[in-house]
Amino acid sequence: MTTAGVEVPFTESAMGWNLCEVPPWVIASEAFNRRPRPLELAGVRKADRRLFDKLASLPDPIDRGRVFHEYLEVKFSLHQWTDYQGLARRSLRNSYLRFLNGWARDSNGVEGAVLKSWVQSRFGVIPTYHRGVLDPTLNGEDQQFAVDRMRGRRRTNAIDMQLDLLYTFCQEELQRRWPDRETLVLYRGTNDPQEHPCRRVIDRRRCCLRLNNLVSFTTNRETAWEFGSTVWEARIAHSKIIFFSGLLPSSLLQGESEYLVIGGDYTVRELLY
């Protein structure tokens, strides 16, 4: 197998605090994907109950995506960016859509740093890679990571709250569209498998890897080959999916059947082309 990473110990100290009832080390564990549990960010659904009640009344997923986006535009004044100048204008214009599109272009840019930081603050799973391997003893606070995170946060208005709502909306949509499923088989292509530490070798083609705290997968195995010479197949818990292509109307985002997934330890199978 080409995933010749170095075995690393799994410790609770490598995790942080979170805003859901499931401990971070459980969320990041390999076992979580075999026995998934629902994850809910504290207070989000209660604070925006009217939004979720409205979404529950709409049978069309396209309508639900449109209403969700319009709600965030009004709640965070995103549609009023033309009324302002300077930093205020940029912060309103750069909504959650800017960060999702920025991730698609470069997951190691400022948008990627903000999204990884959000995962760390909400789920307690720390980033392991940003423009390079991060030292876990620094709790992810590599200087470049910190600079990118701060640069990204000053560009937008309440991005953490926007992403909280996006995650909660995503979880409701997964439940509506696939009510009988708890997991999904997805694929990930990479040119640098050594960036993902190996926790345990299972056989020639399967092992347990430590993935970054936010990673991209796709539902299309052929698409995965476009992103690297090594492609892994993994079973992903629905509750670890933050966003998926088709969640929002296509006019808002472009995608490659992409799923954004909370990282941690995953059993992966290397595919042969």
C-alpha atoms as a PDB file:
ATOM      1  CA  MET A   1       0.000   0.000   0.000  1.00  0.00           C
ATOM      2  CA  THR A   2       1.296   3.495  -0.829  1.00  0.00           C
ATOM      3  CA  THR A   3       0.112   5.026   2.453  1.00  0.00           C
ATOM      4  CA  ALA A   4       3.481   4.574   4.094  1.00  0.00           C
ATOM      5  CA  GLY A   5       2.938   7.114   6.851  1.00  0.00           C
ATOM      6  CA  VAL A   6       4.408   6.860  10.334  1.00  0.00           C
ATOM      7  CA  GLU A   7       2.262   5.261  13.018  1.00  0.00           C
ATOM      8  CA  VAL A   8       1.106   7.887  15.534  1.00  0.00           C
ATOM      9  CA  PRO A   9      -0.551   7.412  18.923  1.00  0.00           C
ATOM     10  CA  PHE A  10      -4.163   8.459  19.394  1.00  0.00           C
ATOM     11  CA  THR A  11      -4.629  10.532  22.536  1.00  0.00           C
ATOM     12  CA  GLU A  12      -7.421  12.645  23.969  1.00  0.00           C
ATOM     13  CA  SER A  13      -4.891  15.460  24.420  1.00  0.00           C
ATOM     14  CA  ALA A  14      -4.736  15.788  20.628  1.00  0.00           C
ATOM     15  CA  MET A  15      -8.344  16.967  20.660  1.00  0.00           C
ATOM     16  CA  GLY A  16      -9.932  20.236  21.790  1.00  0.00           C
ATOM     17  CA  TRP A  17     -13.227  21.393  23.289  1.00  0.00           C
ATOM     18  CA  ASN A  18     -16.426  21.294  21.266  1.00  0.00           C
ATOM     19  CA  LEU A  19     -20.018  22.536  21.143  1.00  0.00           C
ATOM     20  CA  CYS A  20     -21.837  19.218  20.857  1.00  0.00           C
ATOM     21  CA  GLU A  21     -22.603  16.444  23.336  1.00  0.00           C
ATOM     22  CA  VAL A  22     -20.294  13.837  21.780  1.00  0.00           C
ATOM     23  CA  PRO A  23     -16.648  14.136  22.943  1.00  0.00           C
ATOM     24  CA  PRO A  24     -14.076  15.164  20.298  1.00  0.00           C
ATOM     25  CA  TRP A  25     -12.041  11.963  20.613  1.00  0.00           C
ATOM     26  CA  VAL A  26     -15.172   9.933  19.889  1.00  0.00           C
ATOM     27  CA  ILE A  27     -16.025  12.020  16.817  1.00  0.00           C
ATOM     28  CA  ALA A  28     -12.468  11.613  15.514  1.00  0.00           C
ATOM     29  CA  SER A  29     -12.284   7.883  16.206  1.00  0.00           C
ATOM     30  CA  GLU A  30     -12.317   5.101  13.657  1.00  0.00           C
ATOM     31  CA  ALA A  31     -15.177   3.438  15.549  1.00  0.00           C
ATOM     32  CA  PHE A  32     -17.475   6.444  15.035  1.00  0.00           C
ATOM     33  CA  ASN A  33     -17.811   5.613  11.331  1.00  0.00           C
ATOM     34  CA  ARG A  34     -18.905   2.065  12.164  1.00  0.00           C
ATOM     35  CA  ARG A  35     -21.367   3.180  14.844  1.00  0.00           C
ATOM     36  CA  PRO A  36     -22.392   6.754  13.953  1.00  0.00           C
ATOM     37  CA  ARG A  37     -24.174   9.050  16.360  1.00  0.00           C
ATOM     38  CA  PRO A  38     -26.092  12.259  15.572  1.00  0.00           C
ATOM     39  CA  LEU A  39     -24.172  15.473  16.166  1.00  0.00           C
ATOM     40  CA  GLU A  40     -25.966  18.711  16.997  1.00  0.00           C
ATOM     41  CA  LEU A  41     -24.360  22.079  17.657  1.00  0.00           C
ATOM     42  CA  ALA A  42     -25.688  23.538  20.890  1.00  0.00           C
ATOM     43  CA  GLY A  43     -28.403  26.165  20.514  1.00  0.00           C
ATOM     44  CA  VAL A  44     -28.402  26.482  16.718  1.00  0.00           C
ATOM     45  CA  ARG A  45     -31.736  24.835  15.976  1.00  0.00           C
ATOM     46  CA  LYS A  46     -33.417  26.541  18.929  1.00  0.00           C
ATOM     47  CA  ALA A  47     -32.160  30.024  18.002  1.00  0.00           C
ATOM     48  CA  ASP A  48     -33.373  29.690  14.391  1.00  0.00           C
ATOM     49  CA  ARG A  49     -36.469  27.563  14.919  1.00  0.00           C
ATOM     50  CA  ARG A  50     -38.544  29.581  12.440  1.00  0.00           C
ATOM     51  CA  LEU A  51     -36.101  28.787   9.638  1.00  0.00           C
ATOM     52  CA  PHE A  52     -36.178  25.051  10.270  1.00  0.00           C
ATOM     53  CA  ASP A  53     -39.952  25.020  10.683  1.00  0.00           C
ATOM     54  CA  LYS A  54     -40.260  26.748   7.305  1.00  0.00           C
ATOM     55  CA  LEU A  55     -37.844  24.324   5.652  1.00  0.00           C
ATOM     56  CA  ALA A  56     -39.825  21.364   7.011  1.00  0.00           C
ATOM     57  CA  SER A  57     -42.918  22.650   5.192  1.00  0.00           C
ATOM     58  CA  LEU A  58     -41.244  22.701   1.749  1.00  0.00           C
ATOM     59  CA  PRO A  59     -41.299  19.460  -0.259  1.00  0.00           C
ATOM     60  CA  ASP A  60     -38.842  20.608  -2.964  1.00  0.00           C
ATOM     61  CA  PRO A  61     -35.104  20.474  -2.023  1.00  0.00           C
ATOM     62  CA  ILE A  62     -34.344  23.321  -4.464  1.00  0.00           C
ATOM     63  CA  ASP A  63     -36.870  25.520  -2.680  1.00  0.00           C
ATOM     64  CA  ARG A  64     -35.368  24.578   0.675  1.00  0.00           C
ATOM     65  CA  GLY A  65     -31.881  25.541  -0.535  1.00  0.00           C
ATOM     66  CA  ARG A  66     -33.152  28.854  -1.869  1.00  0.00           C
ATOM     67  CA  VAL A  67     -35.048  29.686   1.347  1.00  0.00           C
ATOM     68  CA  PHE A  68     -32.012  28.762   3.453  1.00  0.00           C
ATOM     69  CA  HIS A  69     -29.747  31.094   1.486  1.00  0.00           C
ATOM     70  CA  GLU A  70     -32.275  33.933   1.529  1.00  0.00           C
ATOM     71  CA  TYR A  71     -32.661  33.550   5.298  1.00  0.00           C
ATOM     72  CA  LEU A  72     -28.897  33.887   5.818  1.00  0.00           C
ATOM     73  CA  GLU A  73     -28.807  36.924   3.509  1.00  0.00           C
ATOM     74  CA  VAL A  74     -31.362  38.687   5.689  1.00  0.00           C
ATOM     75  CA  LYS A  75     -30.110  37.475   9.090  1.00  0.00           C
ATOM     76  CA  PHE A  76     -26.516  38.547   8.410  1.00  0.00           C
ATOM     77  CA  SER A  77     -27.336  41.520   6.098  1.00  0.00           C
ATOM     78  CA  LEU A  78     -25.361  39.863   3.313  1.00  0.00           C
ATOM     79  CA  HIS A  79     -27.560  41.436   0.651  1.00  0.00           C
ATOM     80  CA  GLN A  80     -26.725  44.956   1.883  1.00  0.00           C
ATOM     81  CA  TRP A  81     -23.007  44.898   1.051  1.00  0.00           C
ATOM     82  CA  THR A  82     -23.430  47.548  -1.671  1.00  0.00           C
ATOM     83  CA  ASP A  83     -24.541  50.064   0.999  1.00  0.00           C
ATOM     84  CA  TYR A  84     -21.136  50.031   2.715  1.00  0.00           C
ATOM     85  CA  GLN A  85     -17.516  50.881   1.962  1.00  0.00           C
ATOM     86  CA  GLY A  86     -14.133  49.434   2.917  1.00  0.00           C
ATOM     87  CA  LEU A  87     -13.841  46.508   5.326  1.00  0.00           C
ATOM     88  CA  ALA A  88     -17.575  46.517   6.169  1.00  0.00           C
ATOM     89  CA  ARG A  89     -18.408  46.165   2.464  1.00  0.00           C
ATOM     90  CA  ARG A  90     -16.001  43.228   2.061  1.00  0.00           C
ATOM     91  CA  SER A  91     -17.151  41.478   5.232  1.00  0.00           C
ATOM     92  CA  LEU A  92     -20.797  41.482   4.143  1.00  0.00           C
ATOM     93  CA  ARG A  93     -19.996  40.462   0.581  1.00  0.00           C
ATOM     94  CA  ASN A  94     -17.841  37.525   1.692  1.00  0.00           C
ATOM     95  CA  SER A  95     -20.517  35.145   2.944  1.00  0.00           C
ATOM     96  CA  TYR A  96     -20.273  31.410   3.614  1.00  0.00           C
ATOM     97  CA  LEU A  97     -20.441  30.921  -0.176  1.00  0.00           C
ATOM     98  CA  ARG A  98     -17.106  32.711  -0.565  1.00  0.00           C
ATOM     99  CA  PHE A  99     -15.497  30.260   1.842  1.00  0.00           C
ATOM    100  CA  LEU A 100     -16.976  27.178   0.198  1.00  0.00           C
ATOM    101  CA  ASN A 101     -15.814  28.353  -3.228  1.00  0.00           C
ATOM    102  CA  GLY A 102     -12.421  29.317  -1.792  1.00  0.00           C
ATOM    103  CA  TRP A 103     -12.014  25.835  -0.325  1.00  0.00           C
ATOM    104  CA  ALA A 104     -12.741  24.309  -3.726  1.00  0.00           C
ATOM    105  CA  ARG A 105      -9.970  26.412  -5.280  1.00  0.00           C
ATOM    106  CA  ASP A 106      -7.353  25.923  -2.540  1.00  0.00           C
ATOM    107  CA  SER A 107      -8.013  24.164   0.754  1.00  0.00           C
ATOM    108  CA  ASN A 108      -4.750  25.619   2.097  1.00  0.00           C
ATOM    109  CA  GLY A 109      -5.755  29.249   1.508  1.00  0.00           C
ATOM    110  CA  VAL A 110      -7.299  31.697   3.950  1.00  0.00           C
ATOM    111  CA  GLU A 111     -10.753  30.244   3.355  1.00  0.00           C
ATOM    112  CA  GLY A 112      -9.461  26.777   4.183  1.00  0.00           C
ATOM    113  CA  ALA A 113      -7.907  28.061   7.407  1.00  0.00           C
ATOM    114  CA  VAL A 114     -11.223  29.572   8.516  1.00  0.00           C
ATOM    115  CA  LEU A 115     -13.155  26.387   7.753  1.00  0.00           C
ATOM    116  CA  LYS A 116     -10.609  24.189   9.579  1.00  0.00           C
ATOM    117  CA  SER A 117     -10.705  26.572  12.532  1.00  0.00           C
ATOM    118  CA  TRP A 118     -14.508  26.373  12.612  1.00  0.00           C
ATOM    119  CA  VAL A 119     -14.394  22.554  12.688  1.00  0.00           C
ATOM    120  CA  GLN A 120     -11.899  22.735  15.550  1.00  0.00           C
ATOM    121  CA  SER A 121     -14.052  25.139  17.577  1.00  0.00           C
ATOM    122  CA  ARG A 122     -17.336  23.280  17.003  1.00  0.00           C
ATOM    123  CA  PHE A 123     -16.300  19.612  17.017  1.00  0.00           C
ATOM    124  CA  GLY A 124     -12.960  19.712  18.821  1.00  0.00           C
ATOM    125  CA  VAL A 125     -11.043  17.945  16.032  1.00  0.00           C
ATOM    126  CA  ILE A 126      -7.811  19.860  15.415  1.00  0.00           C
ATOM    127  CA  PRO A 127      -6.260  20.439  11.970  1.00  0.00           C
ATOM    128  CA  THR A 128      -3.200  18.380  11.088  1.00  0.00           C
ATOM    129  CA  TYR A 129      -2.246  20.061   7.811  1.00  0.00           C
ATOM    130  CA  HIS A 130      -2.258  23.612   6.431  1.00  0.00           C
ATOM    131  CA  ARG A 131       0.428  24.506   3.879  1.00  0.00           C
ATOM    132  CA  GLY A 132       2.417  21.843   5.714  1.00  0.00           C
ATOM    133  CA  VAL A 133       2.123  19.378   8.584  1.00  0.00           C
ATOM    134  CA  LEU A 134       0.946  21.084  11.808  1.00  0.00           C
ATOM    135  CA  ASP A 135       2.584  20.303  15.134  1.00  0.00           C
ATOM    136  CA  PRO A 136      -0.131  18.780  17.406  1.00  0.00           C
ATOM    137  CA  THR A 137       1.651  20.129  20.501  1.00  0.00           C
ATOM    138  CA  LEU A 138       0.779  23.620  19.261  1.00  0.00           C
ATOM    139  CA  ASN A 139      -2.928  22.668  19.073  1.00  0.00           C
ATOM    140  CA  GLY A 140      -2.898  23.619  15.388  1.00  0.00           C
ATOM    141  CA  GLU A 141      -1.541  27.121  16.043  1.00  0.00           C
ATOM    142  CA  ASP A 142       1.138  27.109  13.390  1.00  0.00           C
ATOM    143  CA  GLN A 143       2.049  30.699  12.542  1.00  0.00           C
ATOM    144  CA  GLN A 144       0.927  30.521   8.907  1.00  0.00           C
ATOM    145  CA  PHE A 145      -2.300  28.799   9.889  1.00  0.00           C
ATOM    146  CA  ALA A 146      -3.001  31.475  12.502  1.00  0.00           C
ATOM    147  CA  VAL A 147      -2.261  34.291  10.039  1.00  0.00           C
ATOM    148  CA  ASP A 148      -4.497  32.787   7.341  1.00  0.00           C
ATOM    149  CA  ARG A 149      -7.285  32.213   9.851  1.00  0.00           C
ATOM    150  CA  MET A 150      -7.189  35.800  11.084  1.00  0.00           C
ATOM    151  CA  ARG A 151      -7.004  37.200   7.555  1.00  0.00           C
ATOM    152  CA  GLY A 152     -10.022  35.146   6.567  1.00  0.00           C
ATOM    153  CA  ARG A 153     -12.132  35.991   9.606  1.00  0.00           C
ATOM    154  CA  ARG A 154     -11.750  39.735   9.174  1.00  0.00           C
ATOM    155  CA  ARG A 155     -13.210  39.389   5.684  1.00  0.00           C
ATOM    156  CA  THR A 156     -16.682  38.314   6.671  1.00  0.00           C
ATOM    157  CA  ASN A 157     -19.585  38.862   9.035  1.00  0.00           C
ATOM    158  CA  ALA A 158     -20.191  36.173  11.710  1.00  0.00           C
ATOM    159  CA  ILE A 159     -18.813  33.349   9.570  1.00  0.00           C
ATOM    160  CA  ASP A 160     -18.940  30.825  12.442  1.00  0.00           C
ATOM    161  CA  MET A 161     -22.675  31.391  12.908  1.00  0.00           C
ATOM    162  CA  GLN A 162     -23.249  31.078   9.167  1.00  0.00           C
ATOM    163  CA  LEU A 163     -21.373  27.772   9.108  1.00  0.00           C
ATOM    164  CA  ASP A 164     -23.292  26.546  12.177  1.00  0.00           C
ATOM    165  CA  LEU A 165     -26.516  27.030  10.246  1.00  0.00           C
ATOM    166  CA  LEU A 166     -25.066  25.439   7.111  1.00  0.00           C
ATOM    167  CA  TYR A 167     -24.062  22.297   9.033  1.00  0.00           C
ATOM    168  CA  THR A 168     -27.454  22.021  10.719  1.00  0.00           C
ATOM    169  CA  PHE A 169     -29.246  22.515   7.388  1.00  0.00           C
ATOM    170  CA  CYS A 170     -26.996  19.890   5.780  1.00  0.00           C
ATOM    171  CA  GLN A 171     -27.816  17.358   8.496  1.00  0.00           C
ATOM    172  CA  GLU A 172     -31.557  17.917   8.070  1.00  0.00           C
ATOM    173  CA  GLU A 173     -31.266  17.493   4.304  1.00  0.00           C
ATOM    174  CA  LEU A 174     -29.306  14.246   4.629  1.00  0.00           C
ATOM    175  CA  GLN A 175     -32.036  12.908   6.915  1.00  0.00           C
ATOM    176  CA  ARG A 176     -34.791  13.976   4.498  1.00  0.00           C
ATOM    177  CA  ARG A 177     -33.130  12.611   1.360  1.00  0.00           C
ATOM    178  CA  TRP A 178     -31.712   9.375   2.802  1.00  0.00           C
ATOM    179  CA  PRO A 179     -33.756   8.657   5.961  1.00  0.00           C
ATOM    180  CA  ASP A 180     -32.695   5.004   6.132  1.00  0.00           C
ATOM    181  CA  ARG A 181     -28.950   5.631   5.848  1.00  0.00           C
ATOM    182  CA  GLU A 182     -26.367   6.488   8.472  1.00  0.00           C
ATOM    183  CA  THR A 183     -23.269   6.245   6.280  1.00  0.00           C
ATOM    184  CA  LEU A 184     -22.178   6.852   2.711  1.00  0.00           C
ATOM    185  CA  VAL A 185     -19.310   5.396   0.643  1.00  0.00           C
ATOM    186  CA  LEU A 186     -17.154   8.205  -0.755  1.00  0.00           C
ATOM    187  CA  TYR A 187     -13.842   8.549  -2.583  1.00  0.00           C
ATOM    188  CA  ARG A 188     -10.804  10.777  -2.141  1.00  0.00           C
ATOM    189  CA  GLY A 189      -7.893  11.319  -4.521  1.00  0.00           C
ATOM    190  CA  THR A 190      -4.483  12.570  -3.406  1.00  0.00           C
ATOM    191  CA  ASN A 191      -0.983  13.004  -4.786  1.00  0.00           C
ATOM    192  CA  ASP A 192       0.591  13.031  -1.310  1.00  0.00           C
ATOM    193  CA  PRO A 193      -0.600  10.012   0.683  1.00  0.00           C
ATOM    194  CA  GLN A 194       2.336  10.428   3.082  1.00  0.00           C
ATOM    195  CA  GLU A 195       0.677  13.589   4.442  1.00  0.00           C
ATOM    196  CA  HIS A 196      -1.872  11.342   6.173  1.00  0.00           C
ATOM    197  CA  PRO A 197      -0.313   9.463   9.130  1.00  0.00           C
ATOM    198  CA  CYS A 198      -1.008   5.751   9.223  1.00  0.00           C
ATOM    199  CA  ARG A 199      -2.602   4.597  12.469  1.00  0.00           C
ATOM    200  CA  ARG A 200      -2.884   0.901  11.639  1.00  0.00           C
ATOM    201  CA  VAL A 201      -2.239  -1.348   8.632  1.00  0.00           C
ATOM    202  CA  ILE A 202      -5.050  -3.838   8.050  1.00  0.00           C
ATOM    203  CA  ASP A 203      -3.900  -5.568   4.848  1.00  0.00           C
ATOM    204  CA  ARG A 204      -2.201  -4.737   1.532  1.00  0.00           C
ATOM    205  CA  ARG A 205      -4.903  -2.297   0.451  1.00  0.00           C
ATOM    206  CA  ARG A 206      -6.596  -1.244   3.674  1.00  0.00           C
ATOM    207  CA  CYS A 207      -5.390   0.783   6.620  1.00  0.00           C
ATOM    208  CA  CYS A 208      -6.579   3.317   9.181  1.00  0.00           C
ATOM    209  CA  LEU A 209      -5.429   6.861   8.376  1.00  0.00           C
ATOM    210  CA  ARG A 210      -5.505  10.083  10.354  1.00  0.00           C
ATOM    211  CA  LEU A 211      -7.108  12.610   7.991  1.00  0.00           C
ATOM    212  CA  ASN A 212      -7.042  16.378   8.373  1.00  0.00           C
ATOM    213  CA  ASN A 213      -9.901  17.840  10.436  1.00  0.00           C
ATOM    214  CA  LEU A 214     -11.706  18.879   7.237  1.00  0.00           C
ATOM    215  CA  VAL A 215     -11.293  16.959   3.984  1.00  0.00           C
ATOM    216  CA  SER A 216     -12.979  16.690   0.588  1.00  0.00           C
ATOM    217  CA  PHE A 217     -14.490  13.505  -0.794  1.00  0.00           C
ATOM    218  CA  THR A 218     -16.594  12.779  -3.859  1.00  0.00           C
ATOM    219  CA  THR A 219     -19.364  10.335  -4.707  1.00  0.00           C
ATOM    220  CA  ASN A 220     -17.751   9.674  -8.102  1.00  0.00           C
ATOM    221  CA  ARG A 221     -14.704   7.397  -8.069  1.00  0.00           C
ATOM    222  CA  GLU A 222     -13.708   8.513 -11.585  1.00  0.00           C
ATOM    223  CA  THR A 223     -13.714  12.141 -10.436  1.00  0.00           C
ATOM    224  CA  ALA A 224     -11.451  11.174  -7.523  1.00  0.00           C
ATOM    225  CA  TRP A 225      -8.744  10.053  -9.966  1.00  0.00           C
ATOM    226  CA  GLU A 226      -8.639  13.591 -11.343  1.00  0.00           C
ATOM    227  CA  PHE A 227      -7.330  14.819  -7.975  1.00  0.00           C
ATOM    228  CA  GLY A 228      -4.478  12.371  -7.435  1.00  0.00           C
ATOM    229  CA  SER A 229      -2.634   9.215  -8.340  1.00  0.00           C
ATOM    230  CA  THR A 230      -3.843   7.519  -5.151  1.00  0.00           C
ATOM    231  CA  VAL A 231      -7.580   7.073  -4.546  1.00  0.00           C
ATOM    232  CA  TRP A 232      -9.143   5.871  -1.313  1.00  0.00           C
ATOM    233  CA  GLU A 233     -12.604   4.527  -0.656  1.00  0.00           C
ATOM    234  CA  ALA A 234     -14.068   5.199   2.798  1.00  0.00           C
ATOM    235  CA  ARG A 235     -17.357   4.837   4.604  1.00  0.00           C
ATOM    236  CA  ILE A 236     -18.408   8.216   6.006  1.00  0.00           C
ATOM    237  CA  ALA A 237     -20.929   8.848   8.773  1.00  0.00           C
ATOM    238  CA  HIS A 238     -23.704  11.226   7.677  1.00  0.00           C
ATOM    239  CA  SER A 239     -23.230  13.219  10.872  1.00  0.00           C
ATOM    240  CA  LYS A 240     -19.654  14.068   9.817  1.00  0.00           C
ATOM    241  CA  ILE A 241     -20.761  15.648   6.529  1.00  0.00           C
ATOM    242  CA  ILE A 242     -20.741  19.447   6.627  1.00  0.00           C
ATOM    243  CA  PHE A 243     -21.700  20.187   3.028  1.00  0.00           C
ATOM    244  CA  PHE A 244     -22.411  18.286  -0.170  1.00  0.00           C
ATOM    245  CA  SER A 245     -22.823  19.237  -3.807  1.00  0.00           C
ATOM    246  CA  GLY A 246     -26.554  19.590  -4.463  1.00  0.00           C
ATOM    247  CA  LEU A 247     -27.362  20.966  -1.017  1.00  0.00           C
ATOM    248  CA  LEU A 248     -27.832  24.467  -2.466  1.00  0.00           C
ATOM    249  CA  PRO A 249     -29.189  25.589  -5.854  1.00  0.00           C
ATOM    250  CA  SER A 250     -26.573  25.144  -8.599  1.00  0.00           C
ATOM    251  CA  SER A 251     -26.679  28.880  -9.332  1.00  0.00           C
ATOM    252  CA  LEU A 252     -24.956  29.524  -5.988  1.00  0.00           C
ATOM    253  CA  LEU A 253     -22.065  27.073  -6.116  1.00  0.00           C
ATOM    254  CA  GLN A 254     -20.063  24.999  -8.534  1.00  0.00           C
ATOM    255  CA  GLY A 255     -19.037  21.509  -7.468  1.00  0.00           C
ATOM    256  CA  GLU A 256     -17.528  18.164  -8.482  1.00  0.00           C
ATOM    257  CA  SER A 257     -19.938  15.911  -6.596  1.00  0.00           C
ATOM    258  CA  GLU A 258     -17.970  17.155  -3.575  1.00  0.00           C
ATOM    259  CA  TYR A 259     -18.605  16.367   0.073  1.00  0.00           C
ATOM    260  CA  LEU A 260     -16.892  18.274   2.905  1.00  0.00           C
ATOM    261  CA  VAL A 261     -16.269  15.877   5.779  1.00  0.00           C
ATOM    262  CA  ILE A 262     -15.001  16.203   9.354  1.00  0.00           C
ATOM    263  CA  GLY A 263     -11.704  14.335   9.559  1.00  0.00           C
ATOM    264  CA  GLY A 264     -10.106  12.077  12.132  1.00  0.00           C
ATOM    265  CA  ASP A 265      -9.315   8.363  11.877  1.00  0.00           C
ATOM    266  CA  TYR A 266     -10.797   6.514   8.891  1.00  0.00           C
ATOM    267  CA  THR A 267     -10.441   3.010   7.527  1.00  0.00           C
ATOM    268  CA  VAL A 268      -9.699   3.467   3.828  1.00  0.00           C
ATOM    269  CA  ARG A 269      -9.264   1.032   0.956  1.00  0.00           C
ATOM    270  CA  GLU A 270      -6.844   1.974  -1.802  1.00  0.00           C
ATOM    271  CA  LEU A 271      -8.393   1.497  -5.234  1.00  0.00           C
ATOM    272  CA  LEU A 272      -6.656   0.124  -8.283  1.00  0.00           C
ATOM    273  CA  TYR A 273      -7.187   2.182 -11.413  1.00  0.00           C
END
